[in-house]
All heavy atoms as atom14 arrays in JSON, in Angstrom:
{
  "sequence": "LDNTLYSRRYGLEDNAKIRMQEFISGFLGIESEEVWHLRRTEGKK",
  "atom14_mask": [
    [1, 1, 1, 1, 1, 1, 1, 1, 0, 0, 0, 0, 0, 0],
    [1, 1, 1, 1, 1, 1, 1, 1, 0, 0, 0, 0, 0, 0],
    [1, 1, 1, 1, 1, 1, 1, 1, 0, 0, 0, 0, 0, 0],
    [1, 1, 1, 1, 1, 1, 1, 0, 0, 0, 0, 0, 0, 0],
    [1, 1, 1, 1, 1, 1, 1, 1, 0, 0, 0, 0, 0, 0],
    [1, 1, 1, 1, 1, 1, 1, 1, 1, 1, 1, 1, 0, 0],
    [1, 1, 1, 1, 1, 1, 0, 0, 0, 0, 0, 0, 0, 0],
    [1, 1, 1, 1, 1, 1, 1, 1, 1, 1, 1, 0, 0, 0],
    [1, 1, 1, 1, 1, 1, 1, 1, 1, 1, 1, 0, 0, 0],
    [1, 1, 1, 1, 1, 1, 1, 1, 1, 1, 1, 1, 0, 0],
    [1, 1, 1, 1, 0, 0, 0, 0, 0, 0, 0, 0, 0, 0],
    [1, 1, 1, 1, 1, 1, 1, 1, 0, 0, 0, 0, 0, 0],
    [1, 1, 1, 1, 1, 1, 1, 1, 1, 0, 0, 0, 0, 0],
    [1, 1, 1, 1, 1, 1, 1, 1, 0, 0, 0, 0, 0, 0],
    [1, 1, 1, 1, 1, 1, 1, 1, 0, 0, 0, 0, 0, 0],
    [1, 1, 1, 1, 1, 0, 0, 0, 0, 0, 0, 0, 0, 0],
    [1, 1, 1, 1, 1, 1, 1, 1, 1, 0, 0, 0, 0, 0],
    [1, 1, 1, 1, 1, 1, 1, 1, 0, 0, 0, 0, 0, 0],
    [1, 1, 1, 1, 1, 1, 1, 1, 1, 1, 1, 0, 0, 0],
    [1, 1, 1, 1, 1, 1, 1, 1, 0, 0, 0, 0, 0, 0],
    [1, 1, 1, 1, 1, 1, 1, 1, 1, 0, 0, 0, 0, 0],
    [1, 1, 1, 1, 1, 1, 1, 1, 1, 0, 0, 0, 0, 0],
    [1, 1, 1, 1, 1, 1, 1, 1, 1, 1, 1, 0, 0, 0],
    [1, 1, 1, 1, 1, 1, 1, 1, 0, 0, 0, 0, 0, 0],
    [1, 1, 1, 1, 1, 1, 0, 0, 0, 0, 0, 0, 0, 0],
    [1, 1, 1, 1, 0, 0, 0, 0, 0, 0, 0, 0, 0, 0],
    [1, 1, 1, 1, 1, 1, 1, 1, 1, 1, 1, 0, 0, 0],
    [1, 1, 1, 1, 1, 1, 1, 1, 0, 0, 0, 0, 0, 0],
    [1, 1, 1, 1, 0, 0, 0, 0, 0, 0, 0, 0, 0, 0],
    [1, 1, 1, 1, 1, 1, 1, 1, 0, 0, 0, 0, 0, 0],
    [1, 1, 1, 1, 1, 1, 1, 1, 1, 0, 0, 0, 0, 0],
    [1, 1, 1, 1, 1, 1, 0, 0, 0, 0, 0, 0, 0, 0],
    [1, 1, 1, 1, 1, 1, 1, 1, 1, 0, 0, 0, 0, 0],
    [1, 1, 1, 1, 1, 1, 1, 1, 1, 0, 0, 0, 0, 0],
    [1, 1, 1, 1, 1, 1, 1, 0, 0, 0, 0, 0, 0, 0],
    [1, 1, 1, 1, 1, 1, 1, 1, 1, 1, 1, 1, 1, 1],
    [1, 1, 1, 1, 1, 1, 1, 1, 1, 1, 0, 0, 0, 0],
    [1, 1, 1, 1, 1, 1, 1, 1, 0, 0, 0, 0, 0, 0],
    [1, 1, 1, 1, 1, 1, 1, 1, 1, 1, 1, 0, 0, 0],
    [1, 1, 1, 1, 1, 1, 1, 1, 1, 1, 1, 0, 0, 0],
    [1, 1, 1, 1, 1, 1, 1, 0, 0, 0, 0, 0, 0, 0],
    [1, 1, 1, 1, 1, 1, 1, 1, 1, 0, 0, 0, 0, 0],
    [1, 1, 1, 1, 0, 0, 0, 0, 0, 0, 0, 0, 0, 0],
    [1, 1, 1, 1, 1, 1, 1, 1, 1, 0, 0, 0, 0, 0],
    [1, 1, 1, 1, 1, 1, 1, 1, 1, 0, 0, 0, 0, 0]
  ],
  "atom14_positions": [
    [[-1.4, 15.87, 4.7], [-2.1, 15.39, 5.89], [-1.41, 14.32, 6.57], [-0.86, 14.45, 7.76], [-3.5, 15.11, 5.48], [-4.47, 14.55, 6.59], [-4.82, 15.59, 7.55], [-5.7, 13.96, 5.95], [0.0, 0.0, 0.0], [0.0, 0.0, 0.0], [0.0, 0.0, 0.0], [0.0, 0.0, 0.0], [0.0, 0.0, 0.0], [0.0, 0.0, 0.0]],
    [[-1.44, 13.13, 5.96], [-1.08, 11.9, 6.58], [0.55, 11.95, 6.8], [1.29, 12.16, 5.87], [-1.42, 10.66, 5.84], [-3.02, 10.66, 5.82], [-3.58, 10.48, 6.85], [-3.62, 10.69, 4.7], [0.0, 0.0, 0.0], [0.0, 0.0, 0.0], [0.0, 0.0, 0.0], [0.0, 0.0, 0.0], [0.0, 0.0, 0.0], [0.0, 0.0, 0.0]],
    [[0.97, 11.46, 8.04], [2.27, 11.43, 8.46], [2.96, 12.85, 8.37], [4.24, 12.95, 8.35], [3.13, 10.49, 7.61], [2.79, 9.05, 7.99], [2.07, 8.81, 8.84], [3.28, 8.08, 7.14], [0.0, 0.0, 0.0], [0.0, 0.0, 0.0], [0.0, 0.0, 0.0], [0.0, 0.0, 0.0], [0.0, 0.0, 0.0], [0.0, 0.0, 0.0]],
    [[2.18, 13.9, 8.27], [2.7, 15.17, 8.28], [2.05, 16.1, 9.52], [2.72, 16.56, 10.28], [2.44, 16.02, 7.04], [3.11, 15.32, 5.9], [2.86, 17.49, 7.03], [0.0, 0.0, 0.0], [0.0, 0.0, 0.0], [0.0, 0.0, 0.0], [0.0, 0.0, 0.0], [0.0, 0.0, 0.0], [0.0, 0.0, 0.0], [0.0, 0.0, 0.0]],
    [[0.76, 16.09, 9.54], [0.02, 16.75, 10.61], [-0.11, 15.8, 11.86], [-0.52, 16.27, 12.94], [-1.41, 17.18, 10.1], [-1.34, 18.39, 9.24], [-2.74, 18.75, 8.75], [-0.61, 19.53, 9.85], [0.0, 0.0, 0.0], [0.0, 0.0, 0.0], [0.0, 0.0, 0.0], [0.0, 0.0, 0.0], [0.0, 0.0, 0.0], [0.0, 0.0, 0.0]],
    [[0.28, 14.6, 11.64], [0.42, 13.63, 12.8], [1.63, 12.74, 12.7], [2.05, 12.56, 11.47], [-0.87, 12.9, 13.13], [-1.23, 12.0, 12.01], [-0.6, 10.6, 11.86], [-2.1, 12.35, 10.95], [-0.95, 9.78, 10.79], [-2.39, 11.5, 9.94], [-1.76, 10.22, 9.85], [-2.17, 9.39, 8.78], [0.0, 0.0, 0.0], [0.0, 0.0, 0.0]],
    [[2.16, 12.15, 13.68], [3.35, 11.4, 13.66], [2.94, 10.03, 12.89], [1.99, 9.4, 13.19], [3.89, 11.14, 14.97], [4.96, 10.2, 14.9], [0.0, 0.0, 0.0], [0.0, 0.0, 0.0], [0.0, 0.0, 0.0], [0.0, 0.0, 0.0], [0.0, 0.0, 0.0], [0.0, 0.0, 0.0], [0.0, 0.0, 0.0], [0.0, 0.0, 0.0]],
    [[4.03, 9.53, 12.25], [3.91, 8.27, 11.59], [3.95, 7.14, 12.6], [3.51, 6.0, 12.28], [4.95, 8.01, 10.45], [6.28, 7.91, 11.05], [7.35, 7.43, 9.89], [7.25, 8.21, 8.73], [6.81, 7.64, 7.57], [6.49, 6.49, 7.52], [6.74, 8.42, 6.48], [0.0, 0.0, 0.0], [0.0, 0.0, 0.0], [0.0, 0.0, 0.0]],
    [[4.26, 7.49, 13.87], [4.3, 6.32, 14.87], [3.02, 5.75, 15.16], [2.79, 4.71, 15.75], [4.94, 6.89, 16.1], [4.25, 7.93, 16.95], [4.96, 8.27, 18.26], [4.2, 9.22, 18.99], [4.29, 10.51, 18.85], [5.19, 11.05, 17.98], [3.67, 11.38, 19.67], [0.0, 0.0, 0.0], [0.0, 0.0, 0.0], [0.0, 0.0, 0.0]],
    [[1.87, 6.57, 14.8], [0.57, 6.06, 15.13], [0.11, 4.89, 14.16], [-0.86, 4.24, 14.33], [-0.47, 7.18, 15.08], [-0.16, 8.1, 16.2], [0.33, 9.44, 16.0], [-0.48, 7.79, 17.57], [0.47, 10.37, 17.05], [-0.29, 8.58, 18.57], [0.19, 10.0, 18.4], [0.42, 10.69, 19.41], [0.0, 0.0, 0.0], [0.0, 0.0, 0.0]],
    [[0.83, 4.81, 13.14], [0.72, 3.75, 12.15], [-0.48, 3.87, 11.19], [-0.89, 2.77, 10.58], [0.0, 0.0, 0.0], [0.0, 0.0, 0.0], [0.0, 0.0, 0.0], [0.0, 0.0, 0.0], [0.0, 0.0, 0.0], [0.0, 0.0, 0.0], [0.0, 0.0, 0.0], [0.0, 0.0, 0.0], [0.0, 0.0, 0.0], [0.0, 0.0, 0.0]],
    [[-1.2, 4.93, 11.09], [-2.43, 5.03, 10.33], [-2.06, 4.75, 8.89], [-2.75, 3.98, 8.15], [-3.02, 6.42, 10.41], [-4.02, 6.56, 11.59], [-3.38, 6.52, 12.99], [-4.76, 7.81, 11.41], [0.0, 0.0, 0.0], [0.0, 0.0, 0.0], [0.0, 0.0, 0.0], [0.0, 0.0, 0.0], [0.0, 0.0, 0.0], [0.0, 0.0, 0.0]],
    [[-1.04, 5.4, 8.31], [-0.71, 5.21, 6.89], [-0.15, 3.71, 6.57], [-0.42, 3.24, 5.61], [0.23, 6.23, 6.42], [0.44, 6.26, 4.93], [0.98, 7.62, 4.41], [0.29, 8.54, 4.13], [2.27, 7.56, 4.05], [0.0, 0.0, 0.0], [0.0, 0.0, 0.0], [0.0, 0.0, 0.0], [0.0, 0.0, 0.0], [0.0, 0.0, 0.0]],
    [[0.54, 3.3, 7.52], [1.14, 1.84, 7.41], [-0.11, 0.91, 7.32], [-0.17, 0.01, 6.44], [2.01, 1.42, 8.58], [3.28, 2.25, 8.46], [3.67, 2.67, 7.49], [3.93, 2.33, 9.6], [0.0, 0.0, 0.0], [0.0, 0.0, 0.0], [0.0, 0.0, 0.0], [0.0, 0.0, 0.0], [0.0, 0.0, 0.0], [0.0, 0.0, 0.0]],
    [[-1.06, 1.11, 8.16], [-2.3, 0.28, 8.11], [-3.06, 0.4, 6.82], [-3.62, -0.63, 6.17], [-3.23, 0.53, 9.31], [-2.54, 0.03, 10.69], [-1.67, -0.88, 10.63], [-3.01, 0.7, 11.75], [0.0, 0.0, 0.0], [0.0, 0.0, 0.0], [0.0, 0.0, 0.0], [0.0, 0.0, 0.0], [0.0, 0.0, 0.0], [0.0, 0.0, 0.0]],
    [[-3.17, 1.7, 6.41], [-3.9, 1.88, 5.08], [-3.17, 1.24, 3.96], [-3.76, 0.7, 3.05], [-3.91, 3.46, 4.86], [0.0, 0.0, 0.0], [0.0, 0.0, 0.0], [0.0, 0.0, 0.0], [0.0, 0.0, 0.0], [0.0, 0.0, 0.0], [0.0, 0.0, 0.0], [0.0, 0.0, 0.0], [0.0, 0.0, 0.0], [0.0, 0.0, 0.0]],
    [[-1.83, 1.26, 4.0], [-1.04, 0.59, 2.91], [-1.21, -0.97, 2.89], [-1.41, -1.63, 1.9], [0.44, 0.89, 2.96], [0.76, 2.27, 2.66], [2.23, 2.53, 2.86], [2.65, 3.97, 2.3], [4.16, 4.22, 2.58], [0.0, 0.0, 0.0], [0.0, 0.0, 0.0], [0.0, 0.0, 0.0], [0.0, 0.0, 0.0], [0.0, 0.0, 0.0]],
    [[-1.49, -1.53, 4.09], [-1.68, -2.98, 4.23], [-3.12, -3.29, 3.61], [-3.32, -4.19, 2.8], [-1.74, -3.45, 5.6], [-0.2, -3.34, 6.14], [-2.31, -4.84, 5.78], [-0.07, -3.6, 7.58], [0.0, 0.0, 0.0], [0.0, 0.0, 0.0], [0.0, 0.0, 0.0], [0.0, 0.0, 0.0], [0.0, 0.0, 0.0], [0.0, 0.0, 0.0]],
    [[-4.12, -2.4, 4.01], [-5.45, -2.53, 3.44], [-5.44, -2.39, 1.88], [-6.16, -3.09, 1.07], [-6.35, -1.64, 4.08], [-6.67, -1.99, 5.5], [-7.79, -1.14, 6.11], [-7.55, 0.26, 6.08], [-6.99, 0.89, 7.35], [-6.76, 0.06, 8.37], [-6.78, 2.08, 7.24], [0.0, 0.0, 0.0], [0.0, 0.0, 0.0], [0.0, 0.0, 0.0]],
    [[-4.62, -1.47, 1.47], [-4.5, -1.15, -0.06], [-3.97, -2.41, -0.77], [-4.37, -2.79, -1.82], [-3.59, 0.15, -0.2], [-3.4, 0.49, -1.56], [-2.22, 1.86, -1.7], [-2.97, 3.03, -0.52], [0.0, 0.0, 0.0], [0.0, 0.0, 0.0], [0.0, 0.0, 0.0], [0.0, 0.0, 0.0], [0.0, 0.0, 0.0], [0.0, 0.0, 0.0]],
    [[-2.85, -3.0, -0.2], [-2.26, -4.15, -0.82], [-3.17, -5.22, -0.94], [-3.3, -5.96, -1.93], [-1.07, -4.44, 0.13], [-0.11, -5.46, -0.52], [1.11, -4.8, -1.1], [1.06, -3.48, -1.38], [2.2, -5.44, -1.31], [0.0, 0.0, 0.0], [0.0, 0.0, 0.0], [0.0, 0.0, 0.0], [0.0, 0.0, 0.0], [0.0, 0.0, 0.0]],
    [[-4.0, -5.42, 0.17], [-4.91, -6.58, 0.22], [-6.12, -6.32, -0.78], [-6.57, -7.23, -1.58], [-5.6, -6.74, 1.58], [-4.54, -7.22, 2.49], [-5.18, -7.23, 3.98], [-6.18, -6.52, 4.17], [-4.39, -7.86, 4.89], [0.0, 0.0, 0.0], [0.0, 0.0, 0.0], [0.0, 0.0, 0.0], [0.0, 0.0, 0.0], [0.0, 0.0, 0.0]],
    [[-6.55, -5.06, -0.9], [-7.59, -4.72, -1.9], [-7.09, -4.97, -3.33], [-7.81, -5.63, -4.09], [-8.05, -3.36, -1.75], [-9.25, -2.99, -2.61], [-10.53, -3.04, -1.96], [-9.12, -2.49, -3.79], [-11.67, -2.7, -2.84], [-10.19, -2.2, -4.65], [-11.39, -2.33, -4.13], [0.0, 0.0, 0.0], [0.0, 0.0, 0.0], [0.0, 0.0, 0.0]],
    [[-6.0, -4.49, -3.65], [-5.45, -4.54, -5.05], [-5.15, -6.01, -5.35], [-5.31, -6.54, -6.49], [-4.26, -3.68, -5.28], [-4.63, -2.18, -5.03], [-3.55, -3.86, -6.58], [-3.5, -1.24, -5.17], [0.0, 0.0, 0.0], [0.0, 0.0, 0.0], [0.0, 0.0, 0.0], [0.0, 0.0, 0.0], [0.0, 0.0, 0.0], [0.0, 0.0, 0.0]],
    [[-4.69, -6.71, -4.4], [-4.37, -8.17, -4.53], [-5.69, -8.89, -4.91], [-5.68, -9.71, -5.87], [-3.82, -8.71, -3.27], [-3.62, -10.18, -3.43], [0.0, 0.0, 0.0], [0.0, 0.0, 0.0], [0.0, 0.0, 0.0], [0.0, 0.0, 0.0], [0.0, 0.0, 0.0], [0.0, 0.0, 0.0], [0.0, 0.0, 0.0], [0.0, 0.0, 0.0]],
    [[-6.75, -8.62, -4.22], [-8.09, -9.28, -4.53], [-8.59, -8.85, -5.91], [-9.07, -9.58, -6.73], [0.0, 0.0, 0.0], [0.0, 0.0, 0.0], [0.0, 0.0, 0.0], [0.0, 0.0, 0.0], [0.0, 0.0, 0.0], [0.0, 0.0, 0.0], [0.0, 0.0, 0.0], [0.0, 0.0, 0.0], [0.0, 0.0, 0.0], [0.0, 0.0, 0.0]],
    [[-8.4, -7.61, -6.25], [-8.93, -7.08, -7.52], [-8.14, -7.7, -8.8], [-8.8, -8.1, -9.77], [-8.77, -5.53, -7.59], [-8.98, -4.93, -8.89], [-10.17, -4.99, -9.59], [-7.97, -4.39, -9.7], [-10.38, -4.48, -10.82], [-8.18, -3.74, -10.84], [-9.41, -3.84, -11.5], [0.0, 0.0, 0.0], [0.0, 0.0, 0.0], [0.0, 0.0, 0.0]],
    [[-6.83, -7.73, -8.56], [-6.0, -8.37, -9.67], [-5.91, -9.86, -9.64], [-5.48, -10.5, -10.64], [-4.51, -7.66, -9.63], [-4.43, -6.17, -9.78], [-2.89, -5.76, -9.68], [-5.04, -5.82, -11.25], [0.0, 0.0, 0.0], [0.0, 0.0, 0.0], [0.0, 0.0, 0.0], [0.0, 0.0, 0.0], [0.0, 0.0, 0.0], [0.0, 0.0, 0.0]],
    [[-6.22, -10.41, -8.62], [-6.16, -11.91, -8.46], [-4.79, -12.39, -8.35], [-4.49, -13.5, -8.87], [0.0, 0.0, 0.0], [0.0, 0.0, 0.0], [0.0, 0.0, 0.0], [0.0, 0.0, 0.0], [0.0, 0.0, 0.0], [0.0, 0.0, 0.0], [0.0, 0.0, 0.0], [0.0, 0.0, 0.0], [0.0, 0.0, 0.0], [0.0, 0.0, 0.0]],
    [[-3.92, -11.72, -7.66], [-2.5, -12.04, -7.55], [-2.1, -11.92, -6.09], [-2.69, -11.38, -5.32], [-1.56, -11.24, -8.42], [-1.65, -9.71, -8.04], [-1.92, -11.39, -9.88], [-0.74, -8.79, -8.82], [0.0, 0.0, 0.0], [0.0, 0.0, 0.0], [0.0, 0.0, 0.0], [0.0, 0.0, 0.0], [0.0, 0.0, 0.0], [0.0, 0.0, 0.0]],
    [[-0.96, -12.5, -5.71], [-0.42, -12.35, -4.37], [-0.01, -10.98, -4.08], [0.36, -10.19, -4.87], [0.79, -13.35, -4.16], [0.46, -14.81, -4.29], [-0.48, -15.31, -3.29], [-0.42, -14.73, -2.14], [-1.37, -16.1, -3.57], [0.0, 0.0, 0.0], [0.0, 0.0, 0.0], [0.0, 0.0, 0.0], [0.0, 0.0, 0.0], [0.0, 0.0, 0.0]],
    [[-0.12, -10.67, -2.8], [0.25, -9.29, -2.32], [1.71, -8.92, -2.64], [2.02, -7.64, -2.96], [-0.01, -9.01, -0.91], [0.73, -9.92, -0.16], [0.0, 0.0, 0.0], [0.0, 0.0, 0.0], [0.0, 0.0, 0.0], [0.0, 0.0, 0.0], [0.0, 0.0, 0.0], [0.0, 0.0, 0.0], [0.0, 0.0, 0.0], [0.0, 0.0, 0.0]],
    [[2.57, -9.89, -2.64], [4.03, -9.61, -2.9], [4.15, -9.2, -4.39], [4.9, -8.29, -4.72], [4.91, -10.8, -2.67], [5.03, -11.26, -1.2], [3.77, -11.96, -0.66], [2.89, -12.3, -1.51], [3.75, -12.35, 0.36], [0.0, 0.0, 0.0], [0.0, 0.0, 0.0], [0.0, 0.0, 0.0], [0.0, 0.0, 0.0], [0.0, 0.0, 0.0]],
    [[3.44, -9.69, -5.2], [3.46, -9.35, -6.7], [2.8, -7.9, -6.87], [3.33, -7.16, -7.79], [2.65, -10.33, -7.58], [2.89, -10.18, -9.07], [2.18, -11.18, -9.93], [1.82, -12.24, -9.31], [2.28, -11.01, -11.12], [0.0, 0.0, 0.0], [0.0, 0.0, 0.0], [0.0, 0.0, 0.0], [0.0, 0.0, 0.0], [0.0, 0.0, 0.0]],
    [[1.85, -7.57, -6.1], [1.3, -6.2, -6.11], [2.39, -5.23, -5.88], [2.54, -4.26, -6.55], [0.11, -6.12, -5.17], [-0.26, -4.63, -5.05], [-1.08, -6.94, -5.53], [0.0, 0.0, 0.0], [0.0, 0.0, 0.0], [0.0, 0.0, 0.0], [0.0, 0.0, 0.0], [0.0, 0.0, 0.0], [0.0, 0.0, 0.0], [0.0, 0.0, 0.0]],
    [[3.04, -5.53, -4.71], [4.17, -4.59, -4.24], [5.23, -4.45, -5.45], [5.65, -3.32, -5.75], [4.83, -5.09, -3.02], [6.01, -4.36, -2.61], [7.35, -4.65, -2.58], [5.96, -2.94, -2.09], [8.15, -3.68, -2.12], [7.32, -2.63, -1.81], [4.99, -2.09, -1.84], [7.62, -1.32, -1.36], [5.28, -0.77, -1.35], [6.62, -0.38, -1.04]],
    [[5.59, -5.6, -6.04], [6.6, -5.64, -7.18], [6.01, -4.68, -8.39], [6.7, -3.8, -8.94], [6.8, -6.97, -7.68], [7.72, -7.01, -8.88], [9.04, -6.67, -8.88], [7.38, -7.25, -10.28], [9.56, -6.74, -10.1], [8.53, -7.18, -10.93], [0.0, 0.0, 0.0], [0.0, 0.0, 0.0], [0.0, 0.0, 0.0], [0.0, 0.0, 0.0]],
    [[4.81, -4.85, -8.7], [4.23, -4.15, -9.87], [4.09, -2.66, -9.57], [4.33, -1.87, -10.44], [2.79, -4.7, -10.1], [2.77, -6.1, -10.86], [1.24, -6.54, -11.02], [3.36, -6.0, -12.32], [0.0, 0.0, 0.0], [0.0, 0.0, 0.0], [0.0, 0.0, 0.0], [0.0, 0.0, 0.0], [0.0, 0.0, 0.0], [0.0, 0.0, 0.0]],
    [[3.68, -2.4, -8.28], [3.61, -0.97, -7.98], [5.01, -0.36, -8.02], [5.03, 0.94, -8.33], [3.07, -0.86, -6.49], [2.88, 0.69, -5.95], [1.84, 1.3, -6.79], [1.57, 2.71, -6.26], [2.25, 3.77, -6.66], [3.02, 3.69, -7.68], [1.95, 4.89, -6.21], [0.0, 0.0, 0.0], [0.0, 0.0, 0.0], [0.0, 0.0, 0.0]],
    [[6.05, -1.01, -7.67], [7.37, -0.48, -7.74], [8.03, -0.36, -9.07], [8.96, 0.26, -9.29], [8.37, -1.32, -6.76], [7.96, -1.25, -5.3], [8.24, -0.07, -4.55], [9.6, 0.18, -4.41], [10.13, 1.23, -3.85], [9.35, 2.21, -3.48], [11.45, 1.39, -3.82], [0.0, 0.0, 0.0], [0.0, 0.0, 0.0], [0.0, 0.0, 0.0]],
    [[7.35, -1.07, -10.11], [7.83, -1.12, -11.47], [7.02, -0.31, -12.33], [7.15, 0.86, -12.6], [8.12, -2.57, -11.93], [6.87, -3.27, -11.78], [9.2, -3.2, -11.13], [0.0, 0.0, 0.0], [0.0, 0.0, 0.0], [0.0, 0.0, 0.0], [0.0, 0.0, 0.0], [0.0, 0.0, 0.0], [0.0, 0.0, 0.0], [0.0, 0.0, 0.0]],
    [[5.98, -0.93, -12.84], [4.97, -0.22, -13.79], [4.28, 0.9, -13.2], [3.79, 1.76, -13.8], [4.16, -1.2, -14.46], [2.94, -1.82, -13.57], [2.05, -2.7, -14.39], [2.51, -3.57, -15.2], [0.84, -2.55, -14.17], [0.0, 0.0, 0.0], [0.0, 0.0, 0.0], [0.0, 0.0, 0.0], [0.0, 0.0, 0.0], [0.0, 0.0, 0.0]],
    [[4.04, 0.84, -11.89], [3.26, 1.79, -11.2], [4.03, 2.94, -10.59], [3.4, 3.97, -10.13], [0.0, 0.0, 0.0], [0.0, 0.0, 0.0], [0.0, 0.0, 0.0], [0.0, 0.0, 0.0], [0.0, 0.0, 0.0], [0.0, 0.0, 0.0], [0.0, 0.0, 0.0], [0.0, 0.0, 0.0], [0.0, 0.0, 0.0], [0.0, 0.0, 0.0]],
    [[5.27, 2.9, -10.78], [6.09, 4.01, -10.11], [6.04, 5.45, -10.81], [6.27, 6.41, -10.15], [7.51, 3.6, -10.09], [8.23, 3.56, -11.47], [9.63, 3.11, -11.4], [10.37, 3.15, -12.8], [11.8, 2.77, -12.69], [0.0, 0.0, 0.0], [0.0, 0.0, 0.0], [0.0, 0.0, 0.0], [0.0, 0.0, 0.0], [0.0, 0.0, 0.0]],
    [[5.45, 5.46, -11.9], [5.3, 6.78, -12.57], [3.96, 7.37, -12.19], [3.66, 8.63, -12.59], [5.25, 6.57, -14.11], [4.14, 5.75, -14.65], [4.29, 5.51, -16.16], [3.23, 4.58, -16.74], [3.36, 4.33, -18.22], [0.0, 0.0, 0.0], [0.0, 0.0, 0.0], [0.0, 0.0, 0.0], [0.0, 0.0, 0.0], [0.0, 0.0, 0.0]]
  ]
}
């Protein structure tokens, strides 16, 4: 669906990723940059 049936230029998925980062940051109580690092390491599987 996303970025497939419509163009990524509309930014919907980019905006969703920002909201996701903020939500997980609040849940884990860590900075959003650390969320990104964890997602790219332990979360990559």
